[in-house]
């Protein structure tokens, strides 16, 4: 479903990704956790896969589409979206409106469709129903009319997930989805990720919390120094002595 081959990327003469190749599928694996020390290249990989950075060399594909040189919005339209460590919500508008902004290809955005008020109104009604279902899924339905900036940090993480789901994307790339939140909220978020398997979503998430990887990932990838050094089931990879010594001590 999503793959890249031969990726390299340097910043100021420092090579962050080194001939990096990897592929993901949602057929058997629903949730993939990526771990590694700071500077391993994890977020850079996400940035390249979603069009926020261009690789120096290498190519990226989503299905049969090459996405290497597409813009972030074009990649999102194909079905790959992401969250960031710094949550990119619009804090001055209500929670529900943030989710609605994620809805793809809304007719009201097109001039000819906008002339037909009936079709636009009908779509807006359906979009609001769908958005409320997503808020219900993440447990924020009671906060629909609250400004996003008034939510707790953990609730904002939930809202960011709802906004991703609103796009209808098949692949979600989540950058540290439970970092900095209360342990109970972290478990709540991880349980939601586990539930997405029934929706046919492929979730790839970067995380430093190994317990989170064990709880939610079907597969774990270990990166270091811009390279993939281990991949497999969490109960196998995370028990390897060299991985434990290097990353989990």
C-alpha atoms as a PDB file:
ATOM      1  CA  UNK A   1       0.000   0.000   0.000  1.00  0.00           C
ATOM      2  CA  UNK A   2       2.690   2.507   1.006  1.00  0.00           C
ATOM      3  CA  UNK A   3       6.357   2.040   0.198  1.00  0.00           C
ATOM      4  CA  UNK A   4       9.609   3.864  -0.441  1.00  0.00           C
ATOM      5  CA  UNK A   5      12.898   2.795  -1.987  1.00  0.00           C
ATOM      6  CA  UNK A   6      16.416   4.166  -1.675  1.00  0.00           C
ATOM      7  CA  UNK A   7      15.554   7.278   0.324  1.00  0.00           C
ATOM      8  CA  UNK A   8      18.381   9.572   1.336  1.00  0.00           C
ATOM      9  CA  UNK A   9      18.045  12.945   3.019  1.00  0.00           C
ATOM     10  CA  UNK A  10      20.670  15.297   4.435  1.00  0.00           C
ATOM     11  CA  UNK A  11      20.459  18.507   6.436  1.00  0.00           C
ATOM     12  CA  UNK A  12      23.527  20.715   6.635  1.00  0.00           C
ATOM     13  CA  UNK A  13      25.809  17.881   5.552  1.00  0.00           C
ATOM     14  CA  UNK A  14      24.328  15.436   8.101  1.00  0.00           C
ATOM     15  CA  UNK A  15      22.685  12.432   6.457  1.00  0.00           C
ATOM     16  CA  UNK A  16      19.407  11.684   8.251  1.00  0.00           C
ATOM     17  CA  UNK A  17      18.188   8.883   5.965  1.00  0.00           C
ATOM     18  CA  UNK A  18      20.641   6.514   4.287  1.00  0.00           C
ATOM     19  CA  UNK A  19      19.395   4.461   1.319  1.00  0.00           C
ATOM     20  CA  UNK A  20      16.248   3.716   3.301  1.00  0.00           C
ATOM     21  CA  UNK A  21      13.662   1.330   1.854  1.00  0.00           C
ATOM     22  CA  UNK A  22      10.491   0.006   3.437  1.00  0.00           C
ATOM     23  CA  UNK A  23       6.980  -1.106   2.534  1.00  0.00           C
ATOM     24  CA  UNK A  24       3.715  -1.251   4.459  1.00  0.00           C
ATOM     25  CA  UNK A  25       0.468  -3.092   3.802  1.00  0.00           C
ATOM     26  CA  UNK A  26      -2.879  -3.134   5.594  1.00  0.00           C
ATOM     27  CA  UNK A  27      -3.751  -6.707   4.623  1.00  0.00           C
ATOM     28  CA  UNK A  28      -2.268  -8.467   7.634  1.00  0.00           C
ATOM     29  CA  UNK A  29      -0.743  -5.689   9.743  1.00  0.00           C
ATOM     30  CA  UNK A  30      -3.048  -2.920  10.984  1.00  0.00           C
ATOM     31  CA  UNK A  31      -0.774  -0.996  13.363  1.00  0.00           C
ATOM     32  CA  UNK A  32       2.962  -0.430  12.956  1.00  0.00           C
ATOM     33  CA  UNK A  33       5.019   1.221  15.690  1.00  0.00           C
ATOM     34  CA  UNK A  34       8.316   2.930  14.857  1.00  0.00           C
ATOM     35  CA  UNK A  35      10.927   3.420  17.568  1.00  0.00           C
ATOM     36  CA  UNK A  36      14.478   4.696  17.664  1.00  0.00           C
ATOM     37  CA  UNK A  37      16.617   7.354  19.346  1.00  0.00           C
ATOM     38  CA  UNK A  38      16.301  11.056  18.579  1.00  0.00           C
ATOM     39  CA  UNK A  39      17.855  11.764  15.186  1.00  0.00           C
ATOM     40  CA  UNK A  40      17.151   8.258  13.870  1.00  0.00           C
ATOM     41  CA  UNK A  41      15.166   9.698  10.942  1.00  0.00           C
ATOM     42  CA  UNK A  42      11.647   8.735  12.033  1.00  0.00           C
ATOM     43  CA  UNK A  43       9.945  12.108  11.600  1.00  0.00           C
ATOM     44  CA  UNK A  44      11.959  12.823   8.453  1.00  0.00           C
ATOM     45  CA  UNK A  45      10.565   9.611   6.989  1.00  0.00           C
ATOM     46  CA  UNK A  46       7.017  10.756   7.811  1.00  0.00           C
ATOM     47  CA  UNK A  47       7.696  14.186   6.303  1.00  0.00           C
ATOM     48  CA  UNK A  48       8.875  12.625   3.043  1.00  0.00           C
ATOM     49  CA  UNK A  49       6.017  10.121   2.831  1.00  0.00           C
ATOM     50  CA  UNK A  50       3.485  12.945   3.223  1.00  0.00           C
ATOM     51  CA  UNK A  51       5.118  15.501   0.902  1.00  0.00           C
ATOM     52  CA  UNK A  52       6.376  17.966   3.506  1.00  0.00           C
ATOM     53  CA  UNK A  53       9.969  17.192   2.489  1.00  0.00           C
ATOM     54  CA  UNK A  54      11.566  16.037  -0.755  1.00  0.00           C
ATOM     55  CA  UNK A  55      14.180  13.275  -0.568  1.00  0.00           C
ATOM     56  CA  UNK A  56      17.612  13.898  -2.020  1.00  0.00           C
ATOM     57  CA  UNK A  57      17.313  10.548  -3.761  1.00  0.00           C
ATOM     58  CA  UNK A  58      14.781   7.732  -3.765  1.00  0.00           C
ATOM     59  CA  UNK A  59      11.096   7.290  -4.593  1.00  0.00           C
ATOM     60  CA  UNK A  60       7.820   6.874  -2.695  1.00  0.00           C
ATOM     61  CA  UNK A  61       4.625   5.128  -3.811  1.00  0.00           C
ATOM     62  CA  UNK A  62       1.062   4.763  -2.581  1.00  0.00           C
ATOM     63  CA  UNK A  63      -0.490   1.849  -4.419  1.00  0.00           C
ATOM     64  CA  UNK A  64       0.275   2.439  -8.093  1.00  0.00           C
ATOM     65  CA  UNK A  65       0.794   6.176  -7.626  1.00  0.00           C
ATOM     66  CA  UNK A  66       4.262   7.645  -7.280  1.00  0.00           C
ATOM     67  CA  UNK A  67       3.977  10.360  -4.648  1.00  0.00           C
ATOM     68  CA  UNK A  68       7.624  11.424  -4.368  1.00  0.00           C
ATOM     69  CA  UNK A  69       7.050  14.909  -5.764  1.00  0.00           C
ATOM     70  CA  UNK A  70       3.401  15.440  -4.874  1.00  0.00           C
ATOM     71  CA  UNK A  71       2.301  18.140  -2.460  1.00  0.00           C
ATOM     72  CA  UNK A  72       0.888  17.251   0.981  1.00  0.00           C
ATOM     73  CA  UNK A  73      -2.699  17.980  -0.059  1.00  0.00           C
ATOM     74  CA  UNK A  74      -2.379  15.787  -3.168  1.00  0.00           C
ATOM     75  CA  UNK A  75      -1.058  12.895  -1.074  1.00  0.00           C
ATOM     76  CA  UNK A  76      -3.865  13.449   1.444  1.00  0.00           C
ATOM     77  CA  UNK A  77      -6.423  13.286  -1.369  1.00  0.00           C
ATOM     78  CA  UNK A  78      -4.987   9.924  -2.411  1.00  0.00           C
ATOM     79  CA  UNK A  79      -5.459   8.599   1.135  1.00  0.00           C
ATOM     80  CA  UNK A  80      -2.363   9.245   3.292  1.00  0.00           C
ATOM     81  CA  UNK A  81      -2.616  11.746   6.160  1.00  0.00           C
ATOM     82  CA  UNK A  82      -0.616  12.513   9.273  1.00  0.00           C
ATOM     83  CA  UNK A  83      -0.478  14.222  12.638  1.00  0.00           C
ATOM     84  CA  UNK A  84       2.438  16.220  14.025  1.00  0.00           C
ATOM     85  CA  UNK A  85       4.221  16.436  17.354  1.00  0.00           C
ATOM     86  CA  UNK A  86       3.057  20.066  17.486  1.00  0.00           C
ATOM     87  CA  UNK A  87      -0.693  19.652  17.029  1.00  0.00           C
ATOM     88  CA  UNK A  88      -1.905  21.699  14.073  1.00  0.00           C
ATOM     89  CA  UNK A  89      -5.430  22.449  15.152  1.00  0.00           C
ATOM     90  CA  UNK A  90      -7.249  25.752  14.717  1.00  0.00           C
ATOM     91  CA  UNK A  91      -7.615  26.648  18.357  1.00  0.00           C
ATOM     92  CA  UNK A  92      -9.902  29.652  17.832  1.00  0.00           C
ATOM     93  CA  UNK A  93     -12.791  27.662  16.320  1.00  0.00           C
ATOM     94  CA  UNK A  94     -15.016  24.940  17.832  1.00  0.00           C
ATOM     95  CA  UNK A  95     -14.064  21.287  17.964  1.00  0.00           C
ATOM     96  CA  UNK A  96     -16.741  20.299  15.436  1.00  0.00           C
ATOM     97  CA  UNK A  97     -15.530  22.878  12.918  1.00  0.00           C
ATOM     98  CA  UNK A  98     -11.997  21.495  13.130  1.00  0.00           C
ATOM     99  CA  UNK A  99     -13.298  18.064  12.162  1.00  0.00           C
ATOM    100  CA  UNK A 100     -15.441  19.458   9.350  1.00  0.00           C
ATOM    101  CA  UNK A 101     -12.382  21.101   7.803  1.00  0.00           C
ATOM    102  CA  UNK A 102     -10.960  17.627   7.260  1.00  0.00           C
ATOM    103  CA  UNK A 103     -13.841  16.474   5.071  1.00  0.00           C
ATOM    104  CA  UNK A 104     -12.536  15.954   1.496  1.00  0.00           C
ATOM    105  CA  UNK A 105     -13.898  17.484  -1.712  1.00  0.00           C
ATOM    106  CA  UNK A 106     -16.814  19.347  -0.214  1.00  0.00           C
ATOM    107  CA  UNK A 107     -19.234  20.559  -2.877  1.00  0.00           C
ATOM    108  CA  UNK A 108     -19.528  23.964  -1.289  1.00  0.00           C
ATOM    109  CA  UNK A 109     -15.908  24.587  -2.211  1.00  0.00           C
ATOM    110  CA  UNK A 110     -16.790  24.435  -5.935  1.00  0.00           C
ATOM    111  CA  UNK A 111     -18.480  27.431  -7.547  1.00  0.00           C
ATOM    112  CA  UNK A 112     -20.986  25.548  -9.718  1.00  0.00           C
ATOM    113  CA  UNK A 113     -22.035  23.259  -6.883  1.00  0.00           C
ATOM    114  CA  UNK A 114     -22.243  26.203  -4.504  1.00  0.00           C
ATOM    115  CA  UNK A 115     -24.938  27.751  -6.739  1.00  0.00           C
ATOM    116  CA  UNK A 116     -27.208  24.838  -5.849  1.00  0.00           C
ATOM    117  CA  UNK A 117     -28.003  25.635  -2.244  1.00  0.00           C
ATOM    118  CA  UNK A 118     -30.037  22.474  -1.783  1.00  0.00           C
ATOM    119  CA  UNK A 119     -27.218  20.071  -2.657  1.00  0.00           C
ATOM    120  CA  UNK A 120     -24.747  22.025  -0.540  1.00  0.00           C
ATOM    121  CA  UNK A 121     -27.114  22.165   2.448  1.00  0.00           C
ATOM    122  CA  UNK A 122     -27.790  18.427   2.166  1.00  0.00           C
ATOM    123  CA  UNK A 123     -24.074  17.675   2.075  1.00  0.00           C
ATOM    124  CA  UNK A 124     -23.358  19.992   5.009  1.00  0.00           C
ATOM    125  CA  UNK A 125     -26.005  18.194   7.066  1.00  0.00           C
ATOM    126  CA  UNK A 126     -24.462  14.818   6.275  1.00  0.00           C
ATOM    127  CA  UNK A 127     -20.946  16.113   6.968  1.00  0.00           C
ATOM    128  CA  UNK A 128     -22.034  17.329  10.386  1.00  0.00           C
ATOM    129  CA  UNK A 129     -23.599  13.964  11.174  1.00  0.00           C
ATOM    130  CA  UNK A 130     -20.405  12.184  10.104  1.00  0.00           C
ATOM    131  CA  UNK A 131     -18.258  14.609  12.096  1.00  0.00           C
ATOM    132  CA  UNK A 132     -20.357  14.047  15.208  1.00  0.00           C
ATOM    133  CA  UNK A 133     -19.957  10.279  14.790  1.00  0.00           C
ATOM    134  CA  UNK A 134     -16.180  10.765  14.722  1.00  0.00           C
ATOM    135  CA  UNK A 135     -16.321  12.920  17.840  1.00  0.00           C
ATOM    136  CA  UNK A 136     -18.403  10.218  19.472  1.00  0.00           C
ATOM    137  CA  UNK A 137     -15.801   7.640  18.444  1.00  0.00           C
ATOM    138  CA  UNK A 138     -12.988   9.581  20.153  1.00  0.00           C
ATOM    139  CA  UNK A 139     -15.196  10.576  23.105  1.00  0.00           C
ATOM    140  CA  UNK A 140     -15.460  14.309  22.394  1.00  0.00           C
ATOM    141  CA  UNK A 141     -19.110  14.588  21.343  1.00  0.00           C
ATOM    142  CA  UNK A 142     -19.897  16.688  24.423  1.00  0.00           C
ATOM    143  CA  UNK A 143     -17.144  19.124  23.406  1.00  0.00           C
ATOM    144  CA  UNK A 144     -18.422  19.747  19.860  1.00  0.00           C
ATOM    145  CA  UNK A 145     -19.184  23.444  20.453  1.00  0.00           C
ATOM    146  CA  UNK A 146     -16.164  24.115  22.681  1.00  0.00           C
ATOM    147  CA  UNK A 147     -13.214  26.018  21.195  1.00  0.00           C
ATOM    148  CA  UNK A 148     -10.374  23.631  20.390  1.00  0.00           C
ATOM    149  CA  UNK A 149      -8.018  25.821  22.424  1.00  0.00           C
ATOM    150  CA  UNK A 150     -10.048  25.117  25.576  1.00  0.00           C
ATOM    151  CA  UNK A 151      -9.458  21.363  25.413  1.00  0.00           C
ATOM    152  CA  UNK A 152      -6.829  19.643  27.519  1.00  0.00           C
ATOM    153  CA  UNK A 153      -3.697  18.485  25.695  1.00  0.00           C
ATOM    154  CA  UNK A 154      -4.917  14.900  25.716  1.00  0.00           C
ATOM    155  CA  UNK A 155      -8.280  15.947  24.303  1.00  0.00           C
ATOM    156  CA  UNK A 156      -6.483  17.878  21.577  1.00  0.00           C
ATOM    157  CA  UNK A 157      -4.663  14.664  20.683  1.00  0.00           C
ATOM    158  CA  UNK A 158      -8.057  12.966  20.348  1.00  0.00           C
ATOM    159  CA  UNK A 159      -9.292  15.823  18.175  1.00  0.00           C
ATOM    160  CA  UNK A 160      -6.245  15.549  15.908  1.00  0.00           C
ATOM    161  CA  UNK A 161      -7.058  11.862  15.418  1.00  0.00           C
ATOM    162  CA  UNK A 162     -10.692  12.698  14.591  1.00  0.00           C
ATOM    163  CA  UNK A 163      -9.527  15.282  12.042  1.00  0.00           C
ATOM    164  CA  UNK A 164      -7.355  12.654  10.356  1.00  0.00           C
ATOM    165  CA  UNK A 165     -10.240  10.196  10.251  1.00  0.00           C
ATOM    166  CA  UNK A 166     -12.519  12.870   8.767  1.00  0.00           C
ATOM    167  CA  UNK A 167     -10.445  12.835   5.580  1.00  0.00           C
ATOM    168  CA  UNK A 168     -11.419   9.222   4.940  1.00  0.00           C
ATOM    169  CA  UNK A 169      -7.750   8.325   4.415  1.00  0.00           C
ATOM    170  CA  UNK A 170      -6.672   4.694   4.327  1.00  0.00           C
ATOM    171  CA  UNK A 171      -3.276   5.351   5.930  1.00  0.00           C
ATOM    172  CA  UNK A 172      -2.730   7.373   9.110  1.00  0.00           C
ATOM    173  CA  UNK A 173       0.798   8.424  10.095  1.00  0.00           C
ATOM    174  CA  UNK A 174       0.780   9.529  13.728  1.00  0.00           C
ATOM    175  CA  UNK A 175       3.803  11.274  15.222  1.00  0.00           C
ATOM    176  CA  UNK A 176       3.952  10.418  18.949  1.00  0.00           C
ATOM    177  CA  UNK A 177       0.171  10.132  19.493  1.00  0.00           C
ATOM    178  CA  UNK A 178       0.417   9.574  23.262  1.00  0.00           C
ATOM    179  CA  UNK A 179       3.469  11.680  24.139  1.00  0.00           C
ATOM    180  CA  UNK A 180       2.898  14.090  27.014  1.00  0.00           C
ATOM    181  CA  UNK A 181      -0.562  12.864  28.002  1.00  0.00           C
ATOM    182  CA  UNK A 182      -1.833  11.295  31.214  1.00  0.00           C
ATOM    183  CA  UNK A 183      -1.416   7.489  31.300  1.00  0.00           C
ATOM    184  CA  UNK A 184      -5.191   6.950  31.347  1.00  0.00           C
ATOM    185  CA  UNK A 185      -5.595   9.176  28.292  1.00  0.00           C
ATOM    186  CA  UNK A 186      -2.707   7.377  26.588  1.00  0.00           C
ATOM    187  CA  UNK A 187      -4.476   4.028  27.051  1.00  0.00           C
ATOM    188  CA  UNK A 188      -7.666   5.541  25.681  1.00  0.00           C
ATOM    189  CA  UNK A 189      -5.879   6.752  22.541  1.00  0.00           C
ATOM    190  CA  UNK A 190      -4.091   3.427  22.053  1.00  0.00           C
ATOM    191  CA  UNK A 191      -7.360   1.525  22.408  1.00  0.00           C
ATOM    192  CA  UNK A 192      -8.851   3.726  19.679  1.00  0.00           C
ATOM    193  CA  UNK A 193      -5.935   2.849  17.408  1.00  0.00           C
ATOM    194  CA  UNK A 194      -6.630  -0.831  18.004  1.00  0.00           C
ATOM    195  CA  UNK A 195     -10.266  -0.321  17.025  1.00  0.00           C
ATOM    196  CA  UNK A 196      -9.315   1.189  13.657  1.00  0.00           C
ATOM    197  CA  UNK A 197      -8.442  -2.288  12.399  1.00  0.00           C
ATOM    198  CA  UNK A 198     -12.140  -2.928  11.830  1.00  0.00           C
ATOM    199  CA  UNK A 199     -12.272   0.203   9.652  1.00  0.00           C
ATOM    200  CA  UNK A 200      -9.599  -1.151   7.310  1.00  0.00           C
ATOM    201  CA  UNK A 201      -7.088   1.542   8.261  1.00  0.00           C
ATOM    202  CA  UNK A 202      -3.323   1.157   8.295  1.00  0.00           C
ATOM    203  CA  UNK A 203      -1.905   3.086  11.268  1.00  0.00           C
ATOM    204  CA  UNK A 204       1.825   3.809  11.440  1.00  0.00           C
ATOM    205  CA  UNK A 205       2.903   5.614  14.574  1.00  0.00           C
ATOM    206  CA  UNK A 206       6.164   6.922  16.006  1.00  0.00           C
ATOM    207  CA  UNK A 207       6.443   6.404  19.731  1.00  0.00           C
ATOM    208  CA  UNK A 208       9.125   6.449  22.441  1.00  0.00           C
ATOM    209  CA  UNK A 209       6.931   4.740  25.031  1.00  0.00           C
ATOM    210  CA  UNK A 210       7.714   1.038  24.662  1.00  0.00           C
ATOM    211  CA  UNK A 211       4.665   0.037  26.696  1.00  0.00           C
ATOM    212  CA  UNK A 212       2.552   1.868  24.098  1.00  0.00           C
ATOM    213  CA  UNK A 213       4.213  -0.130  21.333  1.00  0.00           C
ATOM    214  CA  UNK A 214       3.520  -3.377  23.162  1.00  0.00           C
ATOM    215  CA  UNK A 215      -0.092  -2.386  23.773  1.00  0.00           C
ATOM    216  CA  UNK A 216      -1.094  -1.190  20.306  1.00  0.00           C
ATOM    217  CA  UNK A 217       1.350  -2.352  17.606  1.00  0.00           C
ATOM    218  CA  UNK A 218       1.066  -5.514  15.523  1.00  0.00           C
ATOM    219  CA  UNK A 219       4.561  -4.866  14.226  1.00  0.00           C
ATOM    220  CA  UNK A 220       7.505  -2.764  15.378  1.00  0.00           C
ATOM    221  CA  UNK A 221      10.217  -1.110  13.294  1.00  0.00           C
ATOM    222  CA  UNK A 222      13.471   0.026  14.869  1.00  0.00           C
ATOM    223  CA  UNK A 223      15.408   2.847  13.201  1.00  0.00           C
ATOM    224  CA  UNK A 224      18.853   4.172  14.025  1.00  0.00           C
ATOM    225  CA  UNK A 225      21.159   6.565  12.235  1.00  0.00           C
ATOM    226  CA  UNK A 226      18.845   6.791   9.225  1.00  0.00           C
ATOM    227  CA  UNK A 227      18.598   3.058   8.705  1.00  0.00           C
ATOM    228  CA  UNK A 228      16.209   0.216   9.489  1.00  0.00           C
ATOM    229  CA  UNK A 229      17.916  -2.132  11.932  1.00  0.00           C
ATOM    230  CA  UNK A 230      15.047  -4.409  13.035  1.00  0.00           C
ATOM    231  CA  UNK A 231      11.482  -5.250  12.096  1.00  0.00           C
ATOM    232  CA  UNK A 232       9.008  -7.807  13.392  1.00  0.00           C
ATOM    233  CA  UNK A 233       6.460  -8.627  16.066  1.00  0.00           C
ATOM    234  CA  UNK A 234       6.894  -6.547  19.243  1.00  0.00           C
ATOM    235  CA  UNK A 235       7.277  -9.576  21.522  1.00  0.00           C
ATOM    236  CA  UNK A 236      10.187 -10.750  19.353  1.00  0.00           C
ATOM    237  CA  UNK A 237      11.991  -7.529  18.412  1.00  0.00           C
ATOM    238  CA  UNK A 238      11.706  -5.865  21.814  1.00  0.00           C
ATOM    239  CA  UNK A 239      13.199  -8.883  23.541  1.00  0.00           C
ATOM    240  CA  UNK A 240      16.378  -8.889  21.470  1.00  0.00           C
ATOM    241  CA  UNK A 241      19.289  -8.073  23.797  1.00  0.00           C
ATOM    242  CA  UNK A 242      20.926  -5.538  21.447  1.00  0.00           C
ATOM    243  CA  UNK A 243      17.634  -3.650  21.022  1.00  0.00           C
ATOM    244  CA  UNK A 244      16.975  -3.674  24.762  1.00  0.00           C
ATOM    245  CA  UNK A 245      20.480  -2.444  25.490  1.00  0.00           C
ATOM    246  CA  UNK A 246      20.497   0.311  22.867  1.00  0.00           C
ATOM    247  CA  UNK A 247      16.963   1.703  23.181  1.00  0.00           C
ATOM    248  CA  UNK A 248      15.110   0.402  26.177  1.00  0.00           C
ATOM    249  CA  UNK A 249      17.590   0.656  28.983  1.00  0.00           C
END
